[in-house]
């Protein structure tokens, strides 16, 4: 197969995508390793004014790491779910 790199896609929010030079291509599906997040924590900004920045960071984190799940509750809580404690620590460091 061929390897291709594409840059300048920061404005797009994609978990996975299929790029093809014909209109009739079949999209490739993302990988499913069958892993479920084990550790869930509520994530809050230090300052209330940083809420939007936190939400953008969580979105980027969930797009960059397929095993991270981010959900919002009806109470406005943001829940970060990771595969374990080490993964959670790494994800929080990535957010900072």
PDB file of N, CA and C in Angstrom:
ATOM      1  N   UNK A   1       0.804  -1.185   0.000  1.00  0.00           N
ATOM      2  CA  UNK A   1       0.000   0.000   0.000  1.00  0.00           C
ATOM      3  C   UNK A   1       0.849   1.253   0.000  1.00  0.00           C
ATOM      4  N   UNK A   2       0.195   2.354  -0.173  1.00  0.00           N
ATOM      5  CA  UNK A   2       0.859   3.641  -0.182  1.00  0.00           C
ATOM      6  C   UNK A   2       0.628   4.354   1.147  1.00  0.00           C
ATOM      7  N   UNK A   3       1.625   5.124   1.530  1.00  0.00           N
ATOM      8  CA  UNK A   3       1.498   5.919   2.751  1.00  0.00           C
ATOM      9  C   UNK A   3       1.415   7.379   2.354  1.00  0.00           C
ATOM     10  N   UNK A   4       0.505   8.081   2.963  1.00  0.00           N
ATOM     11  CA  UNK A   4       0.258   9.481   2.631  1.00  0.00           C
ATOM     12  C   UNK A   4       0.118  10.261   3.924  1.00  0.00           C
ATOM     13  N   UNK A   5       0.576  11.496   3.936  1.00  0.00           N
ATOM     14  CA  UNK A   5       0.410  12.358   5.109  1.00  0.00           C
ATOM     15  C   UNK A   5      -0.345  13.609   4.685  1.00  0.00           C
ATOM     16  N   UNK A   6      -1.237  14.055   5.550  1.00  0.00           N
ATOM     17  CA  UNK A   6      -2.027  15.260   5.294  1.00  0.00           C
ATOM     18  C   UNK A   6      -1.884  16.156   6.512  1.00  0.00           C
ATOM     19  N   UNK A   7      -1.660  17.413   6.276  1.00  0.00           N
ATOM     20  CA  UNK A   7      -1.507  18.338   7.387  1.00  0.00           C
ATOM     21  C   UNK A   7      -2.519  19.466   7.266  1.00  0.00           C
ATOM     22  N   UNK A   8      -2.555  20.316   8.295  1.00  0.00           N
ATOM     23  CA  UNK A   8      -3.429  21.486   8.330  1.00  0.00           C
ATOM     24  C   UNK A   8      -4.907  21.096   8.452  1.00  0.00           C
ATOM     25  N   UNK A   9      -5.176  20.087   9.265  1.00  0.00           N
ATOM     26  CA  UNK A   9      -6.547  19.631   9.478  1.00  0.00           C
ATOM     27  C   UNK A   9      -7.040  19.968  10.881  1.00  0.00           C
ATOM     28  N   UNK A  10      -6.402  20.938  11.548  1.00  0.00           N
ATOM     29  CA  UNK A  10      -6.749  21.267  12.917  1.00  0.00           C
ATOM     30  C   UNK A  10      -8.204  21.695  13.074  1.00  0.00           C
ATOM     31  N   UNK A  11      -8.783  22.300  12.065  1.00  0.00           N
ATOM     32  CA  UNK A  11     -10.162  22.773  12.151  1.00  0.00           C
ATOM     33  C   UNK A  11     -11.196  21.659  12.055  1.00  0.00           C
ATOM     34  N   UNK A  12     -10.807  20.470  11.635  1.00  0.00           N
ATOM     35  CA  UNK A  12     -11.737  19.353  11.493  1.00  0.00           C
ATOM     36  C   UNK A  12     -11.764  18.522  12.765  1.00  0.00           C
ATOM     37  N   UNK A  13     -12.917  17.997  13.086  1.00  0.00           N
ATOM     38  CA  UNK A  13     -13.061  17.165  14.274  1.00  0.00           C
ATOM     39  C   UNK A  13     -13.464  15.769  13.829  1.00  0.00           C
ATOM     40  N   UNK A  14     -12.469  14.926  13.579  1.00  0.00           N
ATOM     41  CA  UNK A  14     -12.704  13.600  13.038  1.00  0.00           C
ATOM     42  C   UNK A  14     -12.032  12.551  13.901  1.00  0.00           C
ATOM     43  N   UNK A  15     -12.723  11.465  14.211  1.00  0.00           N
ATOM     44  CA  UNK A  15     -12.096  10.324  14.884  1.00  0.00           C
ATOM     45  C   UNK A  15     -11.361   9.480  13.851  1.00  0.00           C
ATOM     46  N   UNK A  16     -12.037   9.214  12.742  1.00  0.00           N
ATOM     47  CA  UNK A  16     -11.391   8.515  11.640  1.00  0.00           C
ATOM     48  C   UNK A  16     -12.047   8.969  10.346  1.00  0.00           C
ATOM     49  N   UNK A  17     -11.339   8.832   9.264  1.00  0.00           N
ATOM     50  CA  UNK A  17     -11.827   9.309   7.979  1.00  0.00           C
ATOM     51  C   UNK A  17     -11.206   8.460   6.871  1.00  0.00           C
ATOM     52  N   UNK A  18     -11.929   8.307   5.781  1.00  0.00           N
ATOM     53  CA  UNK A  18     -11.410   7.618   4.603  1.00  0.00           C
ATOM     54  C   UNK A  18     -11.249   8.643   3.486  1.00  0.00           C
ATOM     55  N   UNK A  19     -10.071   8.692   2.918  1.00  0.00           N
ATOM     56  CA  UNK A  19      -9.804   9.605   1.806  1.00  0.00           C
ATOM     57  C   UNK A  19      -9.570   8.768   0.562  1.00  0.00           C
ATOM     58  N   UNK A  20     -10.251   9.104  -0.514  1.00  0.00           N
ATOM     59  CA  UNK A  20     -10.157   8.332  -1.749  1.00  0.00           C
ATOM     60  C   UNK A  20     -10.245   9.271  -2.943  1.00  0.00           C
ATOM     61  N   UNK A  21      -9.685   8.853  -4.067  1.00  0.00           N
ATOM     62  CA  UNK A  21      -9.710   9.697  -5.256  1.00  0.00           C
ATOM     63  C   UNK A  21     -10.914   9.406  -6.155  1.00  0.00           C
ATOM     64  N   UNK A  22     -11.812   8.513  -5.728  1.00  0.00           N
ATOM     65  CA  UNK A  22     -13.029   8.244  -6.492  1.00  0.00           C
ATOM     66  C   UNK A  22     -14.253   8.477  -5.615  1.00  0.00           C
ATOM     67  N   UNK A  23     -15.379   8.736  -6.213  1.00  0.00           N
ATOM     68  CA  UNK A  23     -16.609   8.991  -5.472  1.00  0.00           C
ATOM     69  C   UNK A  23     -17.230   7.708  -4.914  1.00  0.00           C
ATOM     70  N   UNK A  24     -16.915   6.544  -5.484  1.00  0.00           N
ATOM     71  CA  UNK A  24     -17.570   5.288  -5.108  1.00  0.00           C
ATOM     72  C   UNK A  24     -16.724   4.435  -4.180  1.00  0.00           C
ATOM     73  N   UNK A  25     -15.977   5.024  -3.287  1.00  0.00           N
ATOM     74  CA  UNK A  25     -15.142   4.226  -2.390  1.00  0.00           C
ATOM     75  C   UNK A  25     -15.943   3.807  -1.155  1.00  0.00           C
ATOM     76  N   UNK A  26     -15.519   2.730  -0.555  1.00  0.00           N
ATOM     77  CA  UNK A  26     -16.165   2.249   0.663  1.00  0.00           C
ATOM     78  C   UNK A  26     -15.380   2.798   1.853  1.00  0.00           C
ATOM     79  N   UNK A  27     -16.035   3.484   2.790  1.00  0.00           N
ATOM     80  CA  UNK A  27     -15.297   4.038   3.929  1.00  0.00           C
ATOM     81  C   UNK A  27     -14.732   2.935   4.828  1.00  0.00           C
ATOM     82  N   UNK A  28     -13.510   3.148   5.288  1.00  0.00           N
ATOM     83  CA  UNK A  28     -12.897   2.227   6.233  1.00  0.00           C
ATOM     84  C   UNK A  28     -13.444   2.531   7.621  1.00  0.00           C
ATOM     85  N   UNK A  29     -13.622   1.527   8.407  1.00  0.00           N
ATOM     86  CA  UNK A  29     -14.149   1.715   9.754  1.00  0.00           C
ATOM     87  C   UNK A  29     -12.996   1.852  10.731  1.00  0.00           C
ATOM     88  N   UNK A  30     -13.247   2.531  11.829  1.00  0.00           N
ATOM     89  CA  UNK A  30     -12.236   2.691  12.869  1.00  0.00           C
ATOM     90  C   UNK A  30     -11.949   1.377  13.566  1.00  0.00           C
ATOM     91  N   UNK A  31     -10.867   1.320  14.295  1.00  0.00           N
ATOM     92  CA  UNK A  31     -10.488   0.118  15.019  1.00  0.00           C
ATOM     93  C   UNK A  31     -11.308   0.000  16.304  1.00  0.00           C
ATOM     94  N   UNK A  32     -11.733  -1.191  16.604  1.00  0.00           N
ATOM     95  CA  UNK A  32     -12.430  -1.465  17.850  1.00  0.00           C
ATOM     96  C   UNK A  32     -11.671  -2.584  18.550  1.00  0.00           C
ATOM     97  N   UNK A  33     -10.950  -2.230  19.594  1.00  0.00           N
ATOM     98  CA  UNK A  33     -10.151  -3.219  20.305  1.00  0.00           C
ATOM     99  C   UNK A  33     -10.936  -3.906  21.409  1.00  0.00           C
ATOM    100  N   UNK A  34     -12.189  -3.524  21.618  1.00  0.00           N
ATOM    101  CA  UNK A  34     -13.016  -4.140  22.628  1.00  0.00           C
ATOM    102  C   UNK A  34     -12.666  -3.717  24.046  1.00  0.00           C
ATOM    103  N   UNK A  35     -11.933  -2.634  24.198  1.00  0.00           N
ATOM    104  CA  UNK A  35     -11.557  -2.148  25.525  1.00  0.00           C
ATOM    105  C   UNK A  35     -12.565  -1.121  26.005  1.00  0.00           C
ATOM    106  N   UNK A  36     -12.940  -1.220  27.257  1.00  0.00           N
ATOM    107  CA  UNK A  36     -13.878  -0.277  27.858  1.00  0.00           C
ATOM    108  C   UNK A  36     -13.165   0.514  28.949  1.00  0.00           C
ATOM    109  N   UNK A  37     -13.414   1.806  29.027  1.00  0.00           N
ATOM    110  CA  UNK A  37     -12.795   2.606  30.094  1.00  0.00           C
ATOM    111  C   UNK A  37     -13.185   2.083  31.477  1.00  0.00           C
ATOM    112  N   UNK A  38     -12.183   2.042  32.372  1.00  0.00           N
ATOM    113  CA  UNK A  38     -12.409   1.537  33.724  1.00  0.00           C
ATOM    114  C   UNK A  38     -12.458   2.648  34.763  1.00  0.00           C
ATOM    115  N   UNK A  39     -11.769   3.752  34.500  1.00  0.00           N
ATOM    116  CA  UNK A  39     -11.662   4.835  35.473  1.00  0.00           C
ATOM    117  C   UNK A  39     -12.403   6.051  34.935  1.00  0.00           C
ATOM    118  N   UNK A  40     -13.297   6.598  35.746  1.00  0.00           N
ATOM    119  CA  UNK A  40     -14.054   7.782  35.345  1.00  0.00           C
ATOM    120  C   UNK A  40     -13.915   8.843  36.422  1.00  0.00           C
ATOM    121  N   UNK A  41     -13.627  10.080  35.983  1.00  0.00           N
ATOM    122  CA  UNK A  41     -13.500  11.194  36.925  1.00  0.00           C
ATOM    123  C   UNK A  41     -14.233  12.408  36.372  1.00  0.00           C
ATOM    124  N   UNK A  42     -14.672  13.258  37.285  1.00  0.00           N
ATOM    125  CA  UNK A  42     -15.289  14.524  36.917  1.00  0.00           C
ATOM    126  C   UNK A  42     -14.159  15.536  36.729  1.00  0.00           C
ATOM    127  N   UNK A  43     -14.157  16.248  35.622  1.00  0.00           N
ATOM    128  CA  UNK A  43     -13.109  17.219  35.322  1.00  0.00           C
ATOM    129  C   UNK A  43     -13.736  18.605  35.331  1.00  0.00           C
ATOM    130  N   UNK A  44     -13.107  19.523  36.074  1.00  0.00           N
ATOM    131  CA  UNK A  44     -13.603  20.896  36.173  1.00  0.00           C
ATOM    132  C   UNK A  44     -12.467  21.869  35.921  1.00  0.00           C
ATOM    133  N   UNK A  45     -12.761  23.025  35.337  1.00  0.00           N
ATOM    134  CA  UNK A  45     -11.721  24.046  35.179  1.00  0.00           C
ATOM    135  C   UNK A  45     -11.431  24.708  36.530  1.00  0.00           C
ATOM    136  N   UNK A  46     -10.206  25.204  36.692  1.00  0.00           N
ATOM    137  CA  UNK A  46      -9.854  25.902  37.923  1.00  0.00           C
ATOM    138  C   UNK A  46     -10.662  27.192  38.032  1.00  0.00           C
ATOM    139  N   UNK A  47     -10.757  27.903  36.923  1.00  0.00           N
ATOM    140  CA  UNK A  47     -11.546  29.133  36.863  1.00  0.00           C
ATOM    141  C   UNK A  47     -12.771  28.898  35.993  1.00  0.00           C
ATOM    142  N   UNK A  48     -13.904  29.426  36.393  1.00  0.00           N
ATOM    143  CA  UNK A  48     -15.135  29.257  35.606  1.00  0.00           C
ATOM    144  C   UNK A  48     -14.990  29.837  34.205  1.00  0.00           C
ATOM    145  N   UNK A  49     -14.133  30.837  34.046  1.00  0.00           N
ATOM    146  CA  UNK A  49     -13.931  31.455  32.731  1.00  0.00           C
ATOM    147  C   UNK A  49     -13.170  30.537  31.778  1.00  0.00           C
ATOM    148  N   UNK A  50     -12.566  29.468  32.304  1.00  0.00           N
ATOM    149  CA  UNK A  50     -11.811  28.533  31.464  1.00  0.00           C
ATOM    150  C   UNK A  50     -12.641  27.345  30.990  1.00  0.00           C
ATOM    151  N   UNK A  51     -13.941  27.386  31.203  1.00  0.00           N
ATOM    152  CA  UNK A  51     -14.808  26.260  30.838  1.00  0.00           C
ATOM    153  C   UNK A  51     -14.733  25.947  29.349  1.00  0.00           C
ATOM    154  N   UNK A  52     -14.780  26.950  28.508  1.00  0.00           N
ATOM    155  CA  UNK A  52     -14.725  26.723  27.060  1.00  0.00           C
ATOM    156  C   UNK A  52     -13.387  26.122  26.642  1.00  0.00           C
ATOM    157  N   UNK A  53     -12.314  26.573  27.259  1.00  0.00           N
ATOM    158  CA  UNK A  53     -10.984  26.038  26.950  1.00  0.00           C
ATOM    159  C   UNK A  53     -10.915  24.565  27.349  1.00  0.00           C
ATOM    160  N   UNK A  54     -11.470  24.236  28.508  1.00  0.00           N
ATOM    161  CA  UNK A  54     -11.500  22.839  28.964  1.00  0.00           C
ATOM    162  C   UNK A  54     -12.290  21.981  27.983  1.00  0.00           C
ATOM    163  N   UNK A  55     -13.444  22.456  27.544  1.00  0.00           N
ATOM    164  CA  UNK A  55     -14.267  21.682  26.612  1.00  0.00           C
ATOM    165  C   UNK A  55     -13.542  21.445  25.289  1.00  0.00           C
ATOM    166  N   UNK A  56     -12.850  22.453  24.782  1.00  0.00           N
ATOM    167  CA  UNK A  56     -12.068  22.267  23.546  1.00  0.00           C
ATOM    168  C   UNK A  56     -10.952  21.253  23.765  1.00  0.00           C
ATOM    169  N   UNK A  57     -10.292  21.331  24.915  1.00  0.00           N
ATOM    170  CA  UNK A  57      -9.225  20.382  25.224  1.00  0.00           C
ATOM    171  C   UNK A  57      -9.737  18.962  25.336  1.00  0.00           C
ATOM    172  N   UNK A  58     -10.886  18.780  25.977  1.00  0.00           N
ATOM    173  CA  UNK A  58     -11.477  17.447  26.091  1.00  0.00           C
ATOM    174  C   UNK A  58     -11.864  16.898  24.723  1.00  0.00           C
ATOM    175  N   UNK A  59     -12.379  17.755  23.862  1.00  0.00           N
ATOM    176  CA  UNK A  59     -12.733  17.318  22.508  1.00  0.00           C
ATOM    177  C   UNK A  59     -11.492  16.867  21.753  1.00  0.00           C
ATOM    178  N   UNK A  60     -10.433  17.659  21.811  1.00  0.00           N
ATOM    179  CA  UNK A  60      -9.189  17.286  21.124  1.00  0.00           C
ATOM    180  C   UNK A  60      -8.620  15.996  21.695  1.00  0.00           C
ATOM    181  N   UNK A  61      -8.679  15.843  23.014  1.00  0.00           N
ATOM    182  CA  UNK A  61      -8.165  14.632  23.647  1.00  0.00           C
ATOM    183  C   UNK A  61      -8.947  13.411  23.194  1.00  0.00           C
ATOM    184  N   UNK A  62     -10.264  13.507  23.146  1.00  0.00           N
ATOM    185  CA  UNK A  62     -11.077  12.356  22.733  1.00  0.00           C
ATOM    186  C   UNK A  62     -10.872  12.010  21.263  1.00  0.00           C
ATOM    187  N   UNK A  63     -10.557  13.002  20.447  1.00  0.00           N
ATOM    188  CA  UNK A  63     -10.282  12.732  19.032  1.00  0.00           C
ATOM    189  C   UNK A  63      -8.896  12.142  18.839  1.00  0.00           C
ATOM    190  N   UNK A  64      -7.940  12.556  19.658  1.00  0.00           N
ATOM    191  CA  UNK A  64      -6.570  12.073  19.523  1.00  0.00           C
ATOM    192  C   UNK A  64      -6.389  10.670  20.094  1.00  0.00           C
ATOM    193  N   UNK A  65      -7.159  10.323  21.104  1.00  0.00           N
ATOM    194  CA  UNK A  65      -7.028   9.032  21.781  1.00  0.00           C
ATOM    195  C   UNK A  65      -8.369   8.307  21.723  1.00  0.00           C
ATOM    196  N   UNK A  66      -8.438   7.284  20.907  1.00  0.00           N
ATOM    197  CA  UNK A  66      -9.705   6.579  20.686  1.00  0.00           C
ATOM    198  C   UNK A  66     -10.209   5.864  21.936  1.00  0.00           C
ATOM    199  N   UNK A  67      -9.343   5.612  22.900  1.00  0.00           N
ATOM    200  CA  UNK A  67      -9.773   4.896  24.103  1.00  0.00           C
ATOM    201  C   UNK A  67     -10.251   5.833  25.206  1.00  0.00           C
ATOM    202  N   UNK A  68     -10.238   7.133  24.959  1.00  0.00           N
ATOM    203  CA  UNK A  68     -10.746   8.115  25.922  1.00  0.00           C
ATOM    204  C   UNK A  68     -12.201   8.418  25.583  1.00  0.00           C
ATOM    205  N   UNK A  69     -13.038   8.439  26.609  1.00  0.00           N
ATOM    206  CA  UNK A  69     -14.437   8.830  26.423  1.00  0.00           C
ATOM    207  C   UNK A  69     -14.718  10.061  27.261  1.00  0.00           C
ATOM    208  N   UNK A  70     -15.356  11.047  26.659  1.00  0.00           N
ATOM    209  CA  UNK A  70     -15.734  12.260  27.370  1.00  0.00           C
ATOM    210  C   UNK A  70     -17.249  12.406  27.250  1.00  0.00           C
ATOM    211  N   UNK A  71     -17.911  12.569  28.388  1.00  0.00           N
ATOM    212  CA  UNK A  71     -19.359  12.754  28.380  1.00  0.00           C
ATOM    213  C   UNK A  71     -19.714  13.941  29.270  1.00  0.00           C
ATOM    214  N   UNK A  72     -20.865  14.510  29.007  1.00  0.00           N
ATOM    215  CA  UNK A  72     -21.380  15.607  29.826  1.00  0.00           C
ATOM    216  C   UNK A  72     -22.696  15.149  30.438  1.00  0.00           C
ATOM    217  N   UNK A  73     -22.867  15.408  31.718  1.00  0.00           N
ATOM    218  CA  UNK A  73     -24.090  15.017  32.407  1.00  0.00           C
ATOM    219  C   UNK A  73     -25.117  16.148  32.316  1.00  0.00           C
ATOM    220  N   UNK A  74     -26.320  15.856  32.718  1.00  0.00           N
ATOM    221  CA  UNK A  74     -27.375  16.869  32.708  1.00  0.00           C
ATOM    222  C   UNK A  74     -27.099  17.984  33.717  1.00  0.00           C
ATOM    223  N   UNK A  75     -26.251  17.708  34.704  1.00  0.00           N
ATOM    224  CA  UNK A  75     -25.876  18.713  35.700  1.00  0.00           C
ATOM    225  C   UNK A  75     -24.724  19.600  35.227  1.00  0.00           C
ATOM    226  N   UNK A  76     -24.205  19.328  34.033  1.00  0.00           N
ATOM    227  CA  UNK A  76     -23.108  20.123  33.496  1.00  0.00           C
ATOM    228  C   UNK A  76     -21.734  19.589  33.846  1.00  0.00           C
ATOM    229  N   UNK A  77     -21.655  18.416  34.460  1.00  0.00           N
ATOM    230  CA  UNK A  77     -20.369  17.813  34.775  1.00  0.00           C
ATOM    231  C   UNK A  77     -19.752  17.225  33.517  1.00  0.00           C
ATOM    232  N   UNK A  78     -18.441  17.278  33.429  1.00  0.00           N
ATOM    233  CA  UNK A  78     -17.714  16.668  32.324  1.00  0.00           C
ATOM    234  C   UNK A  78     -16.980  15.454  32.865  1.00  0.00           C
ATOM    235  N   UNK A  79     -17.308  14.282  32.358  1.00  0.00           N
ATOM    236  CA  UNK A  79     -16.744  13.034  32.841  1.00  0.00           C
ATOM    237  C   UNK A  79     -15.692  12.547  31.842  1.00  0.00           C
ATOM    238  N   UNK A  80     -14.476  12.325  32.346  1.00  0.00           N
ATOM    239  CA  UNK A  80     -13.372  11.800  31.550  1.00  0.00           C
ATOM    240  C   UNK A  80     -13.199  10.340  31.934  1.00  0.00           C
ATOM    241  N   UNK A  81     -13.308   9.439  30.963  1.00  0.00           N
ATOM    242  CA  UNK A  81     -13.182   8.002  31.214  1.00  0.00           C
ATOM    243  C   UNK A  81     -11.964   7.477  30.476  1.00  0.00           C
ATOM    244  N   UNK A  82     -11.099   6.757  31.199  1.00  0.00           N
ATOM    245  CA  UNK A  82      -9.851   6.233  30.632  1.00  0.00           C
ATOM    246  C   UNK A  82      -9.704   4.750  30.976  1.00  0.00           C
ATOM    247  N   UNK A  83      -8.701   4.105  30.391  1.00  0.00           N
ATOM    248  CA  UNK A  83      -8.519   2.672  30.554  1.00  0.00           C
ATOM    249  C   UNK A  83      -7.954   2.276  31.916  1.00  0.00           C
ATOM    250  N   UNK A  84      -7.326   3.177  32.623  1.00  0.00           N
ATOM    251  CA  UNK A  84      -6.751   2.878  33.924  1.00  0.00           C
ATOM    252  C   UNK A  84      -6.159   4.143  34.530  1.00  0.00           C
ATOM    253  N   UNK A  85      -5.547   3.989  35.702  1.00  0.00           N
ATOM    254  CA  UNK A  85      -5.015   5.150  36.400  1.00  0.00           C
ATOM    255  C   UNK A  85      -3.868   5.818  35.642  1.00  0.00           C
ATOM    256  N   UNK A  86      -2.961   5.029  35.088  1.00  0.00           N
ATOM    257  CA  UNK A  86      -1.835   5.596  34.346  1.00  0.00           C
ATOM    258  C   UNK A  86      -2.333   6.320  33.094  1.00  0.00           C
ATOM    259  N   UNK A  87      -3.296   5.733  32.421  1.00  0.00           N
ATOM    260  CA  UNK A  87      -3.876   6.363  31.235  1.00  0.00           C
ATOM    261  C   UNK A  87      -4.578   7.660  31.618  1.00  0.00           C
ATOM    262  N   UNK A  88      -5.270   7.659  32.746  1.00  0.00           N
ATOM    263  CA  UNK A  88      -5.936   8.864  33.233  1.00  0.00           C
ATOM    264  C   UNK A  88      -4.913   9.961  33.540  1.00  0.00           C
ATOM    265  N   UNK A  89      -3.834   9.602  34.232  1.00  0.00           N
ATOM    266  CA  UNK A  89      -2.789  10.581  34.552  1.00  0.00           C
ATOM    267  C   UNK A  89      -2.201  11.180  33.274  1.00  0.00           C
ATOM    268  N   UNK A  90      -1.929  10.327  32.298  1.00  0.00           N
ATOM    269  CA  UNK A  90      -1.356  10.799  31.024  1.00  0.00           C
ATOM    270  C   UNK A  90      -2.350  11.707  30.307  1.00  0.00           C
ATOM    271  N   UNK A  91      -3.608  11.366  30.343  1.00  0.00           N
ATOM    272  CA  UNK A  91      -4.633  12.175  29.669  1.00  0.00           C
ATOM    273  C   UNK A  91      -4.772  13.543  30.327  1.00  0.00           C
ATOM    274  N   UNK A  92      -4.706  13.579  31.654  1.00  0.00           N
ATOM    275  CA  UNK A  92      -4.789  14.873  32.348  1.00  0.00           C
ATOM    276  C   UNK A  92      -3.562  15.715  32.051  1.00  0.00           C
ATOM    277  N   UNK A  93      -2.386  15.097  31.982  1.00  0.00           N
ATOM    278  CA  UNK A  93      -1.183  15.847  31.601  1.00  0.00           C
ATOM    279  C   UNK A  93      -1.317  16.404  30.186  1.00  0.00           C
ATOM    280  N   UNK A  94      -1.904  15.625  29.292  1.00  0.00           N
ATOM    281  CA  UNK A  94      -2.122  16.103  27.918  1.00  0.00           C
ATOM    282  C   UNK A  94      -3.072  17.288  27.894  1.00  0.00           C
ATOM    283  N   UNK A  95      -4.048  17.301  28.781  1.00  0.00           N
ATOM    284  CA  UNK A  95      -4.991  18.423  28.855  1.00  0.00           C
ATOM    285  C   UNK A  95      -4.296  19.709  29.294  1.00  0.00           C
ATOM    286  N   UNK A  96      -3.338  19.592  30.210  1.00  0.00           N
ATOM    287  CA  UNK A  96      -2.648  20.765  30.719  1.00  0.00           C
ATOM    288  C   UNK A  96      -1.788  21.365  29.635  1.00  0.00           C
TER     289      UNK A  96
END
